[in-house]
Amino acid sequence: MSPNTHKAERFENIAHYLAAFTVILKGLDKIENPEKVGIGILFIAIGIVICLGTFFHHKASRLLKHFKAYVLVFEIIVMAVVGYMYMAEGKQYLQYVCFATVALFFVALIVYIRKRKSFAH
């Protein structure tokens, strides 16, 4: 593995962990409201799954072809939902961070697919 590949992988892992941290924080925020405990627990569980997927991505990639693409799609959906929730709650800037994350994960997904032209096969 070249030093540039290792560095890129490290930045990618940081992005996944930050996304997971954001989702977990949203879950903790929702748990404070007795009516939204269920959605809070769901977000915490999703954040934990993202952390585990990031930590065990080498093993998961061997078991599931295109694991990275599935993770990116999953994170795009989750971060879009979190961004929408921040927007619905009237937050001023947090939703834009979530939507920027969605855009960047989408770009990463496109790059992944283009690098693997045999993705659909």
N, C-alpha and C. Protein backbone atom coordinates (compact mmCIF):
# COMPACT_ATOMS: atom_id res chain seq x y z
N MET A 1 0.86 -1.17 0.00
CA MET A 1 0.00 0.00 0.00
C MET A 1 0.90 1.24 0.00
N SER A 2 0.66 2.10 -0.94
CA SER A 2 1.48 3.30 -1.05
C SER A 2 1.13 4.29 0.07
N PRO A 3 2.06 5.18 0.39
CA PRO A 3 1.79 6.17 1.44
C PRO A 3 0.56 7.04 1.13
N ASN A 4 0.36 7.38 -0.16
CA ASN A 4 -0.80 8.19 -0.53
C ASN A 4 -2.10 7.43 -0.32
N THR A 5 -2.09 6.13 -0.62
CA THR A 5 -3.28 5.31 -0.42
C THR A 5 -3.60 5.22 1.07
N HIS A 6 -2.57 5.02 1.87
CA HIS A 6 -2.76 4.94 3.33
C HIS A 6 -3.31 6.25 3.88
N LYS A 7 -2.78 7.36 3.38
CA LYS A 7 -3.25 8.68 3.83
C LYS A 7 -4.71 8.91 3.42
N ALA A 8 -5.05 8.55 2.18
CA ALA A 8 -6.42 8.71 1.70
C ALA A 8 -7.38 7.85 2.52
N GLU A 9 -6.96 6.64 2.84
CA GLU A 9 -7.79 5.74 3.64
C GLU A 9 -8.01 6.32 5.04
N ARG A 10 -6.98 6.93 5.60
CA ARG A 10 -7.10 7.53 6.92
C ARG A 10 -8.12 8.67 6.90
N PHE A 11 -8.05 9.54 5.87
CA PHE A 11 -9.02 10.64 5.76
C PHE A 11 -10.43 10.10 5.55
N GLU A 12 -10.54 9.05 4.78
CA GLU A 12 -11.85 8.44 4.55
C GLU A 12 -12.43 7.90 5.86
N ASN A 13 -11.60 7.24 6.64
CA ASN A 13 -12.05 6.72 7.94
C ASN A 13 -12.49 7.86 8.86
N ILE A 14 -11.74 8.95 8.87
CA ILE A 14 -12.11 10.10 9.70
C ILE A 14 -13.47 10.63 9.28
N ALA A 15 -13.72 10.71 7.96
CA ALA A 15 -15.02 11.19 7.47
C ALA A 15 -16.15 10.28 7.94
N HIS A 16 -15.92 8.96 7.89
CA HIS A 16 -16.96 8.02 8.34
C HIS A 16 -17.20 8.15 9.85
N TYR A 17 -16.12 8.26 10.62
CA TYR A 17 -16.29 8.41 12.07
C TYR A 17 -16.98 9.72 12.43
N LEU A 18 -16.68 10.79 11.71
CA LEU A 18 -17.36 12.07 11.96
C LEU A 18 -18.85 11.98 11.62
N ALA A 19 -19.17 11.29 10.54
CA ALA A 19 -20.58 11.08 10.19
C ALA A 19 -21.27 10.28 11.29
N ALA A 20 -20.62 9.22 11.76
CA ALA A 20 -21.19 8.40 12.83
C ALA A 20 -21.38 9.23 14.10
N PHE A 21 -20.40 10.05 14.43
CA PHE A 21 -20.48 10.91 15.60
C PHE A 21 -21.67 11.86 15.50
N THR A 22 -21.87 12.43 14.32
CA THR A 22 -23.00 13.34 14.09
C THR A 22 -24.33 12.62 14.28
N VAL A 23 -24.43 11.42 13.74
CA VAL A 23 -25.67 10.64 13.85
C VAL A 23 -25.92 10.25 15.30
N ILE A 24 -24.88 9.85 16.00
CA ILE A 24 -25.03 9.49 17.42
C ILE A 24 -25.46 10.71 18.24
N LEU A 25 -24.87 11.87 17.97
CA LEU A 25 -25.28 13.08 18.68
C LEU A 25 -26.74 13.41 18.43
N LYS A 26 -27.19 13.23 17.20
CA LYS A 26 -28.60 13.47 16.87
C LYS A 26 -29.48 12.49 17.65
N GLY A 27 -29.03 11.25 17.75
CA GLY A 27 -29.76 10.26 18.54
C GLY A 27 -29.85 10.64 20.00
N LEU A 28 -28.74 11.11 20.57
CA LEU A 28 -28.74 11.54 21.97
C LEU A 28 -29.66 12.73 22.17
N ASP A 29 -29.68 13.62 21.19
CA ASP A 29 -30.58 14.78 21.24
C ASP A 29 -32.04 14.33 21.25
N LYS A 30 -32.38 13.35 20.44
CA LYS A 30 -33.76 12.87 20.36
C LYS A 30 -34.18 12.11 21.61
N ILE A 31 -33.25 11.42 22.25
CA ILE A 31 -33.57 10.64 23.46
C ILE A 31 -34.05 11.55 24.59
N GLU A 32 -33.61 12.80 24.59
CA GLU A 32 -34.03 13.74 25.65
C GLU A 32 -35.54 13.98 25.63
N ASN A 33 -36.17 13.80 24.47
CA ASN A 33 -37.61 13.98 24.34
C ASN A 33 -38.28 12.61 24.50
N PRO A 34 -39.12 12.43 25.54
CA PRO A 34 -39.74 11.12 25.79
C PRO A 34 -40.52 10.56 24.60
N GLU A 35 -41.05 11.44 23.75
CA GLU A 35 -41.82 10.98 22.60
C GLU A 35 -40.94 10.50 21.45
N LYS A 36 -39.65 10.81 21.51
CA LYS A 36 -38.75 10.50 20.40
C LYS A 36 -37.62 9.55 20.80
N VAL A 37 -37.82 8.80 21.86
CA VAL A 37 -36.78 7.88 22.32
C VAL A 37 -36.48 6.83 21.26
N GLY A 38 -37.51 6.33 20.60
CA GLY A 38 -37.32 5.29 19.58
C GLY A 38 -36.43 5.74 18.44
N ILE A 39 -36.69 6.92 17.91
CA ILE A 39 -35.88 7.45 16.81
C ILE A 39 -34.47 7.74 17.32
N GLY A 40 -34.36 8.17 18.57
CA GLY A 40 -33.04 8.42 19.16
C GLY A 40 -32.21 7.15 19.24
N ILE A 41 -32.83 6.08 19.70
CA ILE A 41 -32.13 4.79 19.79
C ILE A 41 -31.75 4.30 18.40
N LEU A 42 -32.64 4.51 17.42
CA LEU A 42 -32.34 4.11 16.04
C LEU A 42 -31.11 4.86 15.52
N PHE A 43 -31.04 6.17 15.75
CA PHE A 43 -29.89 6.94 15.28
C PHE A 43 -28.60 6.50 15.99
N ILE A 44 -28.68 6.24 17.27
CA ILE A 44 -27.50 5.76 18.00
C ILE A 44 -27.04 4.42 17.42
N ALA A 45 -27.98 3.53 17.16
CA ALA A 45 -27.64 2.23 16.57
C ALA A 45 -27.01 2.40 15.18
N ILE A 46 -27.56 3.29 14.37
CA ILE A 46 -27.00 3.54 13.04
C ILE A 46 -25.58 4.09 13.16
N GLY A 47 -25.36 5.00 14.09
CA GLY A 47 -24.01 5.54 14.30
C GLY A 47 -23.03 4.46 14.71
N ILE A 48 -23.47 3.56 15.56
CA ILE A 48 -22.61 2.44 15.99
C ILE A 48 -22.32 1.52 14.81
N VAL A 49 -23.31 1.26 13.98
CA VAL A 49 -23.11 0.42 12.79
C VAL A 49 -22.09 1.06 11.85
N ILE A 50 -22.18 2.38 11.66
CA ILE A 50 -21.21 3.08 10.81
C ILE A 50 -19.81 2.95 11.41
N CYS A 51 -19.68 3.11 12.71
CA CYS A 51 -18.37 2.96 13.37
C CYS A 51 -17.82 1.54 13.17
N LEU A 52 -18.66 0.55 13.40
CA LEU A 52 -18.22 -0.83 13.24
C LEU A 52 -17.84 -1.14 11.80
N GLY A 53 -18.65 -0.63 10.85
CA GLY A 53 -18.33 -0.83 9.44
C GLY A 53 -17.01 -0.20 9.06
N THR A 54 -16.72 0.96 9.64
CA THR A 54 -15.45 1.64 9.37
C THR A 54 -14.30 0.87 9.99
N PHE A 55 -14.48 0.43 11.22
CA PHE A 55 -13.42 -0.28 11.93
C PHE A 55 -13.09 -1.63 11.27
N PHE A 56 -14.13 -2.33 10.82
CA PHE A 56 -13.95 -3.67 10.23
C PHE A 56 -14.07 -3.66 8.71
N HIS A 57 -13.80 -2.52 8.06
CA HIS A 57 -14.04 -2.43 6.62
C HIS A 57 -13.18 -3.38 5.80
N HIS A 58 -11.99 -3.71 6.25
CA HIS A 58 -11.15 -4.64 5.47
C HIS A 58 -11.77 -6.03 5.45
N LYS A 59 -12.24 -6.49 6.60
CA LYS A 59 -12.89 -7.81 6.66
C LYS A 59 -14.21 -7.79 5.89
N ALA A 60 -14.98 -6.72 6.06
CA ALA A 60 -16.28 -6.63 5.39
C ALA A 60 -16.11 -6.56 3.87
N SER A 61 -15.07 -5.89 3.41
CA SER A 61 -14.83 -5.78 1.96
C SER A 61 -14.52 -7.13 1.34
N ARG A 62 -13.89 -8.01 2.11
CA ARG A 62 -13.61 -9.36 1.60
C ARG A 62 -14.89 -10.20 1.53
N LEU A 63 -15.82 -9.93 2.43
CA LEU A 63 -17.06 -10.70 2.48
C LEU A 63 -18.13 -10.17 1.53
N LEU A 64 -18.14 -8.87 1.30
CA LEU A 64 -19.19 -8.25 0.49
C LEU A 64 -18.55 -7.35 -0.57
N LYS A 65 -18.68 -7.78 -1.82
CA LYS A 65 -18.11 -7.00 -2.91
C LYS A 65 -18.78 -5.62 -2.92
N HIS A 66 -18.00 -4.59 -3.13
CA HIS A 66 -18.45 -3.19 -3.18
C HIS A 66 -19.02 -2.72 -1.84
N PHE A 67 -18.49 -3.25 -0.75
CA PHE A 67 -18.90 -2.83 0.59
C PHE A 67 -18.82 -1.31 0.74
N LYS A 68 -17.75 -0.74 0.21
CA LYS A 68 -17.54 0.71 0.31
C LYS A 68 -18.70 1.48 -0.32
N ALA A 69 -19.18 1.02 -1.47
CA ALA A 69 -20.30 1.69 -2.15
C ALA A 69 -21.57 1.60 -1.30
N TYR A 70 -21.81 0.46 -0.71
CA TYR A 70 -23.00 0.30 0.13
C TYR A 70 -22.94 1.23 1.34
N VAL A 71 -21.77 1.34 1.94
CA VAL A 71 -21.60 2.23 3.10
C VAL A 71 -21.86 3.67 2.69
N LEU A 72 -21.31 4.08 1.55
CA LEU A 72 -21.52 5.45 1.09
C LEU A 72 -22.99 5.75 0.84
N VAL A 73 -23.70 4.83 0.20
CA VAL A 73 -25.13 5.03 -0.06
C VAL A 73 -25.89 5.13 1.27
N PHE A 74 -25.56 4.25 2.19
CA PHE A 74 -26.19 4.26 3.51
C PHE A 74 -25.95 5.59 4.22
N GLU A 75 -24.70 6.07 4.19
CA GLU A 75 -24.38 7.33 4.86
C GLU A 75 -25.02 8.52 4.15
N ILE A 76 -25.13 8.48 2.85
CA ILE A 76 -25.82 9.54 2.11
C ILE A 76 -27.26 9.65 2.59
N ILE A 77 -27.93 8.54 2.69
CA ILE A 77 -29.34 8.53 3.12
C ILE A 77 -29.47 9.03 4.56
N VAL A 78 -28.65 8.49 5.44
CA VAL A 78 -28.73 8.85 6.86
C VAL A 78 -28.41 10.33 7.08
N MET A 79 -27.35 10.82 6.44
CA MET A 79 -26.98 12.23 6.64
C MET A 79 -28.01 13.17 6.00
N ALA A 80 -28.66 12.74 4.92
CA ALA A 80 -29.73 13.56 4.33
C ALA A 80 -30.91 13.65 5.29
N VAL A 81 -31.24 12.54 5.94
CA VAL A 81 -32.33 12.54 6.92
C VAL A 81 -31.98 13.43 8.11
N VAL A 82 -30.77 13.31 8.61
CA VAL A 82 -30.34 14.15 9.74
C VAL A 82 -30.37 15.63 9.34
N GLY A 83 -29.89 15.95 8.15
CA GLY A 83 -29.93 17.32 7.66
C GLY A 83 -31.34 17.84 7.55
N TYR A 84 -32.24 17.00 7.04
CA TYR A 84 -33.65 17.39 6.94
C TYR A 84 -34.23 17.65 8.33
N MET A 85 -33.88 16.80 9.28
CA MET A 85 -34.40 16.98 10.64
C MET A 85 -33.90 18.29 11.24
N TYR A 86 -32.62 18.61 11.03
CA TYR A 86 -32.10 19.89 11.52
C TYR A 86 -32.84 21.05 10.86
N MET A 87 -33.11 20.93 9.57
CA MET A 87 -33.82 21.99 8.85
C MET A 87 -35.24 22.14 9.40
N ALA A 88 -35.93 21.01 9.63
CA ALA A 88 -37.29 21.04 10.16
C ALA A 88 -37.34 21.62 11.58
N GLU A 89 -36.24 21.44 12.32
CA GLU A 89 -36.17 21.98 13.68
C GLU A 89 -35.81 23.46 13.69
N GLY A 90 -35.54 24.03 12.53
CA GLY A 90 -35.24 25.45 12.43
C GLY A 90 -33.80 25.82 12.74
N LYS A 91 -32.91 24.85 12.69
CA LYS A 91 -31.50 25.16 12.92
C LYS A 91 -31.01 26.06 11.80
N GLN A 92 -30.01 26.88 12.10
CA GLN A 92 -29.57 27.84 11.10
C GLN A 92 -28.47 27.31 10.19
N TYR A 93 -27.54 26.51 10.71
CA TYR A 93 -26.39 26.12 9.90
C TYR A 93 -26.10 24.62 9.89
N LEU A 94 -26.53 23.89 10.91
CA LEU A 94 -26.17 22.48 11.02
C LEU A 94 -26.62 21.65 9.81
N GLN A 95 -27.78 21.96 9.28
CA GLN A 95 -28.27 21.18 8.14
C GLN A 95 -27.35 21.34 6.93
N TYR A 96 -26.72 22.50 6.79
CA TYR A 96 -25.84 22.72 5.64
C TYR A 96 -24.58 21.85 5.74
N VAL A 97 -24.12 21.64 6.96
CA VAL A 97 -22.98 20.74 7.16
C VAL A 97 -23.37 19.32 6.75
N CYS A 98 -24.57 18.91 7.16
CA CYS A 98 -25.05 17.57 6.79
C CYS A 98 -25.22 17.44 5.28
N PHE A 99 -25.79 18.45 4.65
CA PHE A 99 -25.99 18.39 3.19
C PHE A 99 -24.67 18.45 2.44
N ALA A 100 -23.69 19.17 2.97
CA ALA A 100 -22.35 19.18 2.35
C ALA A 100 -21.72 17.80 2.46
N THR A 101 -21.94 17.14 3.59
CA THR A 101 -21.45 15.77 3.77
C THR A 101 -22.11 14.84 2.76
N VAL A 102 -23.40 15.01 2.57
CA VAL A 102 -24.12 14.20 1.58
C VAL A 102 -23.50 14.40 0.20
N ALA A 103 -23.24 15.64 -0.16
CA ALA A 103 -22.66 15.93 -1.48
C ALA A 103 -21.27 15.30 -1.61
N LEU A 104 -20.46 15.41 -0.58
CA LEU A 104 -19.11 14.85 -0.65
C LEU A 104 -19.13 13.32 -0.69
N PHE A 105 -20.01 12.69 0.08
CA PHE A 105 -20.14 11.23 0.01
C PHE A 105 -20.66 10.81 -1.37
N PHE A 106 -21.53 11.62 -1.96
CA PHE A 106 -22.03 11.31 -3.30
C PHE A 106 -20.89 11.37 -4.32
N VAL A 107 -20.06 12.38 -4.20
CA VAL A 107 -18.89 12.49 -5.10
C VAL A 107 -17.98 11.28 -4.90
N ALA A 108 -17.74 10.90 -3.65
CA ALA A 108 -16.90 9.73 -3.37
C ALA A 108 -17.51 8.47 -3.99
N LEU A 109 -18.82 8.35 -3.95
CA LEU A 109 -19.49 7.20 -4.56
C LEU A 109 -19.30 7.19 -6.07
N ILE A 110 -19.45 8.34 -6.70
CA ILE A 110 -19.25 8.44 -8.16
C ILE A 110 -17.81 8.07 -8.52
N VAL A 111 -16.84 8.57 -7.76
CA VAL A 111 -15.43 8.25 -8.02
C VAL A 111 -15.21 6.75 -7.86
N TYR A 112 -15.78 6.16 -6.82
CA TYR A 112 -15.65 4.71 -6.60
C TYR A 112 -16.20 3.93 -7.79
N ILE A 113 -17.38 4.32 -8.25
CA ILE A 113 -18.01 3.61 -9.37
C ILE A 113 -17.19 3.78 -10.65
N ARG A 114 -16.70 4.97 -10.90
CA ARG A 114 -15.91 5.21 -12.12
C ARG A 114 -14.59 4.46 -12.10
N LYS A 115 -13.99 4.32 -10.94
CA LYS A 115 -12.73 3.58 -10.84
C LYS A 115 -12.94 2.10 -11.09
N ARG A 116 -14.12 1.63 -10.82
CA ARG A 116 -14.45 0.21 -11.02
C ARG A 116 -15.50 0.12 -12.11
N LYS A 117 -15.05 0.19 -13.33
CA LYS A 117 -15.97 0.18 -14.48
C LYS A 117 -16.79 -1.09 -14.55
N SER A 118 -16.31 -2.13 -13.91
CA SER A 118 -17.05 -3.39 -13.90
C SER A 118 -18.00 -3.47 -12.70
N PHE A 119 -18.32 -2.30 -12.13
CA PHE A 119 -19.19 -2.25 -10.94
C PHE A 119 -20.52 -2.96 -11.18
N ALA A 120 -21.12 -2.76 -12.34
CA ALA A 120 -22.44 -3.32 -12.60
C ALA A 120 -22.39 -4.80 -12.93
N HIS A 121 -21.21 -5.33 -13.17
CA HIS A 121 -21.10 -6.73 -13.57
C HIS A 121 -20.94 -7.63 -12.38
